[in-house]
Amino acid sequence: MAVTREDLRTRQQDYLLAAWENGELTMAPFCSCGNELEEDYSCGNCDRECDCTFIACNSPEALALVEKLIAGNPNFKNFRASLLDE
């Protein structure tokens, strides 16, 4: 099931935005408020440290790679992913 940024904001879900760009999977962290986060995952808008264990994928290609990453890497075992409906 696809998710929207508004869904994530309503659920107060911090997330990583995954994209397949130029042959690479990229992931950028976002606070549930929509603010892009720095490397320390702190949100300047909310004044809190975010926990990004949800991955919103901007394409089916990115979702397929993220699902393989979650299934094959123990560091990602607690992550969930979905296609982003923009």
C-alpha atoms as a PDB file:
ATOM      1  CA  MET A   1       0.000   0.000   0.000  1.00  0.00           C
ATOM      2  CA  ALA A   2       1.355   3.403  -0.972  1.00  0.00           C
ATOM      3  CA  VAL A   3       1.792   6.144   1.614  1.00  0.00           C
ATOM      4  CA  THR A   4       1.720   9.936   1.265  1.00  0.00           C
ATOM      5  CA  ARG A   5       3.790  12.523   3.100  1.00  0.00           C
ATOM      6  CA  GLU A   6       0.550  13.658   4.745  1.00  0.00           C
ATOM      7  CA  ASP A   7      -0.009  10.091   6.027  1.00  0.00           C
ATOM      8  CA  LEU A   8       3.473  10.141   7.539  1.00  0.00           C
ATOM      9  CA  ARG A   9       2.883  13.559   9.104  1.00  0.00           C
ATOM     10  CA  THR A  10      -0.465  12.414  10.576  1.00  0.00           C
ATOM     11  CA  ARG A  11       1.124   9.255  12.038  1.00  0.00           C
ATOM     12  CA  GLN A  12       4.115  11.305  13.267  1.00  0.00           C
ATOM     13  CA  GLN A  13       6.367   8.873  11.386  1.00  0.00           C
ATOM     14  CA  ASP A  14       9.967   9.954  10.758  1.00  0.00           C
ATOM     15  CA  TYR A  15      11.270   8.423   7.537  1.00  0.00           C
ATOM     16  CA  LEU A  16      14.018   7.955   5.011  1.00  0.00           C
ATOM     17  CA  LEU A  17      13.163   8.971   1.461  1.00  0.00           C
ATOM     18  CA  ALA A  18      14.693   6.396  -0.899  1.00  0.00           C
ATOM     19  CA  ALA A  19      15.316   7.097  -4.574  1.00  0.00           C
ATOM     20  CA  TRP A  20      17.024   5.274  -7.436  1.00  0.00           C
ATOM     21  CA  GLU A  21      19.205   7.950  -9.090  1.00  0.00           C
ATOM     22  CA  ASN A  22      21.977   7.491 -11.641  1.00  0.00           C
ATOM     23  CA  GLY A  23      22.319   3.790 -10.860  1.00  0.00           C
ATOM     24  CA  GLU A  24      22.489   4.326  -7.081  1.00  0.00           C
ATOM     25  CA  LEU A  25      20.078   3.992  -4.203  1.00  0.00           C
ATOM     26  CA  THR A  26      20.031   7.198  -2.159  1.00  0.00           C
ATOM     27  CA  MET A  27      18.283   7.750   1.168  1.00  0.00           C
ATOM     28  CA  ALA A  28      17.656  11.114   2.825  1.00  0.00           C
ATOM     29  CA  PRO A  29      16.248  11.403   6.384  1.00  0.00           C
ATOM     30  CA  PHE A  30      13.091  13.444   7.081  1.00  0.00           C
ATOM     31  CA  CYS A  31      11.243  14.339  10.257  1.00  0.00           C
ATOM     32  CA  SER A  32       7.538  13.575  10.402  1.00  0.00           C
ATOM     33  CA  CYS A  33       6.960  17.350  10.148  1.00  0.00           C
ATOM     34  CA  GLY A  34       8.496  17.236   6.640  1.00  0.00           C
ATOM     35  CA  ASN A  35      11.812  18.867   7.528  1.00  0.00           C
ATOM     36  CA  GLU A  36      14.892  17.283   5.912  1.00  0.00           C
ATOM     37  CA  LEU A  37      17.309  16.232   8.638  1.00  0.00           C
ATOM     38  CA  GLU A  38      21.038  16.696   9.026  1.00  0.00           C
ATOM     39  CA  GLU A  39      23.422  13.786   9.646  1.00  0.00           C
ATOM     40  CA  ASP A  40      22.657  13.773  13.381  1.00  0.00           C
ATOM     41  CA  TYR A  41      18.904  13.249  12.694  1.00  0.00           C
ATOM     42  CA  SER A  42      17.962  16.269  14.820  1.00  0.00           C
ATOM     43  CA  CYS A  43      15.008  18.361  13.664  1.00  0.00           C
ATOM     44  CA  GLY A  44      15.428  22.107  14.011  1.00  0.00           C
ATOM     45  CA  ASN A  45      11.668  22.642  13.622  1.00  0.00           C
ATOM     46  CA  CYS A  46      10.539  20.160  16.297  1.00  0.00           C
ATOM     47  CA  ASP A  47      13.656  20.364  18.485  1.00  0.00           C
ATOM     48  CA  ARG A  48      13.892  16.589  18.833  1.00  0.00           C
ATOM     49  CA  GLU A  49      15.997  13.655  17.667  1.00  0.00           C
ATOM     50  CA  CYS A  50      14.185  11.652  14.981  1.00  0.00           C
ATOM     51  CA  ASP A  51      14.031   7.874  14.582  1.00  0.00           C
ATOM     52  CA  CYS A  52      13.881   6.959  10.896  1.00  0.00           C
ATOM     53  CA  THR A  53      12.922   3.284  10.701  1.00  0.00           C
ATOM     54  CA  PHE A  54      10.388   3.735   7.904  1.00  0.00           C
ATOM     55  CA  ILE A  55      11.555   4.037   4.297  1.00  0.00           C
ATOM     56  CA  ALA A  56       9.338   5.829   1.779  1.00  0.00           C
ATOM     57  CA  CYS A  57      10.396   4.884  -1.755  1.00  0.00           C
ATOM     58  CA  ASN A  58       9.784   7.246  -4.664  1.00  0.00           C
ATOM     59  CA  SER A  59       9.697   4.506  -7.314  1.00  0.00           C
ATOM     60  CA  PRO A  60       9.013   0.780  -7.652  1.00  0.00           C
ATOM     61  CA  GLU A  61      12.722   0.265  -8.466  1.00  0.00           C
ATOM     62  CA  ALA A  62      13.760   1.921  -5.206  1.00  0.00           C
ATOM     63  CA  LEU A  63      11.176  -0.121  -3.268  1.00  0.00           C
ATOM     64  CA  ALA A  64      12.467  -3.397  -4.734  1.00  0.00           C
ATOM     65  CA  LEU A  65      16.035  -2.562  -3.690  1.00  0.00           C
ATOM     66  CA  VAL A  66      14.971  -1.418  -0.219  1.00  0.00           C
ATOM     67  CA  GLU A  67      12.975  -4.615   0.322  1.00  0.00           C
ATOM     68  CA  LYS A  68      16.074  -6.650  -0.587  1.00  0.00           C
ATOM     69  CA  LEU A  69      18.125  -4.540   1.829  1.00  0.00           C
ATOM     70  CA  ILE A  70      15.618  -5.095   4.649  1.00  0.00           C
ATOM     71  CA  ALA A  71      15.465  -8.847   3.975  1.00  0.00           C
ATOM     72  CA  GLY A  72      19.205  -9.336   3.610  1.00  0.00           C
ATOM     73  CA  ASN A  73      20.811  -6.970   6.111  1.00  0.00           C
ATOM     74  CA  PRO A  74      20.371  -7.541   9.869  1.00  0.00           C
ATOM     75  CA  ASN A  75      20.941  -3.813  10.504  1.00  0.00           C
ATOM     76  CA  PHE A  76      17.632  -3.132   8.732  1.00  0.00           C
ATOM     77  CA  LYS A  77      15.529  -5.896  10.327  1.00  0.00           C
ATOM     78  CA  ASN A  78      13.296  -3.410  12.202  1.00  0.00           C
ATOM     79  CA  PHE A  79      12.697  -1.202   9.163  1.00  0.00           C
ATOM     80  CA  ARG A  80       9.512  -1.098   7.096  1.00  0.00           C
ATOM     81  CA  ALA A  81       9.094   0.268   3.584  1.00  0.00           C
ATOM     82  CA  SER A  82       6.366   1.442   1.262  1.00  0.00           C
ATOM     83  CA  LEU A  83       5.965   3.190  -2.056  1.00  0.00           C
ATOM     84  CA  LEU A  84       5.520   6.958  -1.716  1.00  0.00           C
ATOM     85  CA  ASP A  85       2.468   8.353  -3.477  1.00  0.00           C
ATOM     86  CA  GLU A  86       3.303  11.966  -4.267  1.00  0.00           C
END
